[in-house]
Amino acid sequence: MQHPRVGIASDGVALGLDHDLNRPHPRSIGTFPRAMRELLDDGMGIEEIVWKMTGKAARRLGLVDRGRIEVGAVADLVLFDPDRVHDRATYADPLVVPAGIERVWVGGQVIAEDGHITGRLPGGLLRRQR
């Protein structure tokens, strides 16, 4: 994971917390909190972890206005406590919200706060930018 070419991603499906069609894999919503917790515990710096989860992926996919915090970038943000963040999903209960994530914004709109979904759906299809 320390290698500069390694990024952190998921091939999971985005699911709502009320998903009930099938029992999804616990990493459907727990991939990034689990990876962050493990990498922090292994001594990787928070800046590198966040870069590998956000900016690195955005750059690789050609999404020039995402994956960084600066004027002109899309405000896709997660407010979290690195001391508390961890995955709580299990095979028996795969849609338990992770601990330590306080708020999530997509396109500048709050979509989750204190473990509750707001109902806003500002996301959309992303395409490589030139």
Protein backbone atom coordinates (compact mmCIF):
# COMPACT_ATOMS: atom_id res chain seq x y z
CA MET A 1 0.00 0.00 0.00
CA GLN A 2 2.97 2.33 0.49
CA HIS A 3 3.96 2.15 -3.18
CA PRO A 4 3.21 5.45 -4.97
CA ARG A 5 1.32 3.71 -7.78
CA VAL A 6 -1.14 2.04 -5.42
CA GLY A 7 -4.57 3.63 -5.08
CA ILE A 8 -7.50 2.67 -2.90
CA ALA A 9 -10.74 1.90 -4.69
CA SER A 10 -13.81 -0.29 -4.55
CA ASP A 11 -15.72 -2.24 -7.14
CA GLY A 12 -18.74 -2.30 -4.85
CA VAL A 13 -22.18 -1.03 -5.75
CA ALA A 14 -23.45 2.17 -4.17
CA LEU A 15 -26.38 1.24 -1.96
CA GLY A 16 -28.78 3.17 0.21
CA LEU A 17 -29.01 2.33 3.90
CA ASP A 18 -32.53 1.05 3.25
CA HIS A 19 -31.41 -1.42 0.57
CA ASP A 20 -33.32 -4.67 1.00
CA LEU A 21 -33.15 -6.60 -2.29
CA ASN A 22 -30.26 -8.85 -1.31
CA ARG A 23 -27.79 -8.95 1.51
CA PRO A 24 -24.83 -6.98 0.12
CA HIS A 25 -21.22 -7.51 1.04
CA PRO A 26 -20.25 -5.52 4.16
CA ARG A 27 -17.64 -3.61 2.15
CA SER A 28 -20.43 -2.05 0.06
CA ILE A 29 -20.39 0.87 2.48
CA GLY A 30 -17.39 -0.08 4.60
CA THR A 31 -14.51 -0.24 2.12
CA PHE A 32 -12.98 3.17 2.71
CA PRO A 33 -13.43 3.39 6.50
CA ARG A 34 -11.93 -0.10 6.85
CA ALA A 35 -8.97 0.72 4.61
CA MET A 36 -8.41 4.03 6.38
CA ARG A 37 -8.45 2.42 9.83
CA GLU A 38 -6.06 -0.36 8.80
CA LEU A 39 -3.64 2.02 7.06
CA LEU A 40 -3.67 4.50 9.94
CA ASP A 41 -3.01 1.66 12.37
CA ASP A 42 -0.11 0.54 10.13
CA GLY A 43 1.39 4.03 10.31
CA MET A 44 0.51 5.54 6.92
CA GLY A 45 -0.13 9.29 7.12
CA ILE A 46 -3.68 10.60 6.80
CA GLU A 47 -2.75 12.89 3.88
CA GLU A 48 -1.42 9.98 1.83
CA ILE A 49 -4.43 7.81 2.62
CA VAL A 50 -6.88 10.53 1.60
CA TRP A 51 -4.89 11.22 -1.58
CA LYS A 52 -4.94 7.51 -2.52
CA MET A 53 -8.73 7.45 -2.01
CA THR A 54 -9.61 10.73 -3.75
CA GLY A 55 -7.15 12.77 -5.78
CA LYS A 56 -5.28 9.79 -7.16
CA ALA A 57 -8.50 8.17 -8.38
CA ALA A 58 -9.82 11.44 -9.83
CA ARG A 59 -6.57 12.03 -11.70
CA ARG A 60 -6.52 8.44 -13.03
CA LEU A 61 -10.11 8.79 -14.27
CA GLY A 62 -9.56 12.21 -15.82
CA LEU A 63 -11.86 14.05 -13.43
CA VAL A 64 -9.97 17.34 -13.27
CA ASP A 65 -12.45 19.19 -11.03
CA ARG A 66 -12.64 16.50 -8.33
CA GLY A 67 -10.40 14.88 -5.75
CA ARG A 68 -8.94 18.04 -4.25
CA ILE A 69 -10.03 20.96 -2.11
CA GLU A 70 -9.48 24.24 -3.93
CA VAL A 71 -11.39 27.04 -5.63
CA GLY A 72 -13.12 25.73 -8.75
CA ALA A 73 -13.20 22.09 -7.64
CA VAL A 74 -16.48 20.28 -6.99
CA ALA A 75 -17.21 20.12 -3.27
CA ASP A 76 -17.35 16.34 -2.74
CA LEU A 77 -16.18 16.19 0.87
CA VAL A 78 -16.21 13.95 3.92
CA LEU A 79 -15.82 15.31 7.44
CA PHE A 80 -14.37 12.56 9.60
CA ASP A 81 -12.45 12.01 12.79
CA PRO A 82 -9.34 9.93 11.94
CA ASP A 83 -9.11 8.77 15.55
CA ARG A 84 -12.61 7.30 15.45
CA VAL A 85 -13.20 6.24 11.85
CA HIS A 86 -13.79 2.52 11.37
CA ASP A 87 -16.06 0.13 9.55
CA ARG A 88 -18.86 -1.46 11.59
CA ALA A 89 -20.62 -3.45 8.84
CA THR A 90 -20.75 -7.23 9.22
CA TYR A 91 -22.07 -10.07 7.08
CA ALA A 92 -25.09 -10.28 9.42
CA ASP A 93 -25.68 -6.50 9.30
CA PRO A 94 -23.90 -5.16 6.19
CA LEU A 95 -25.39 -1.66 6.06
CA VAL A 96 -24.32 -0.30 9.44
CA VAL A 97 -22.91 3.19 8.96
CA PRO A 98 -19.19 3.57 9.71
CA ALA A 99 -18.09 5.27 12.92
CA GLY A 100 -16.25 8.57 12.86
CA ILE A 101 -17.86 10.05 9.74
CA GLU A 102 -19.75 13.17 10.71
CA ARG A 103 -20.91 14.67 7.41
CA VAL A 104 -20.72 13.98 3.67
CA TRP A 105 -21.19 16.50 0.86
CA VAL A 106 -21.69 15.78 -2.84
CA GLY A 107 -21.50 18.77 -5.12
CA GLY A 108 -21.62 21.04 -2.09
CA GLN A 109 -24.85 19.56 -0.72
CA VAL A 110 -24.99 17.64 2.55
CA ILE A 111 -26.15 14.09 1.78
CA ALA A 112 -25.36 12.45 5.13
CA GLU A 113 -25.04 13.85 8.62
CA ASP A 114 -24.43 12.06 11.92
CA GLY A 115 -25.21 8.66 10.38
CA HIS A 116 -28.44 9.75 8.70
CA ILE A 117 -29.13 10.22 4.99
CA THR A 118 -30.67 13.60 4.08
CA GLY A 119 -32.51 12.39 0.99
CA ARG A 120 -30.70 14.80 -1.32
CA LEU A 121 -29.35 13.18 -4.49
CA PRO A 122 -27.09 15.77 -6.17
CA GLY A 123 -24.75 13.21 -7.77
CA GLY A 124 -24.71 12.20 -11.38
CA LEU A 125 -22.80 10.42 -14.09
CA LEU A 126 -19.16 11.46 -14.28
CA ARG A 127 -17.23 11.51 -17.54
CA ARG A 128 -13.55 11.94 -18.25
CA GLN A 129 -12.80 15.63 -18.76
CA ARG A 130 -10.42 16.86 -21.39
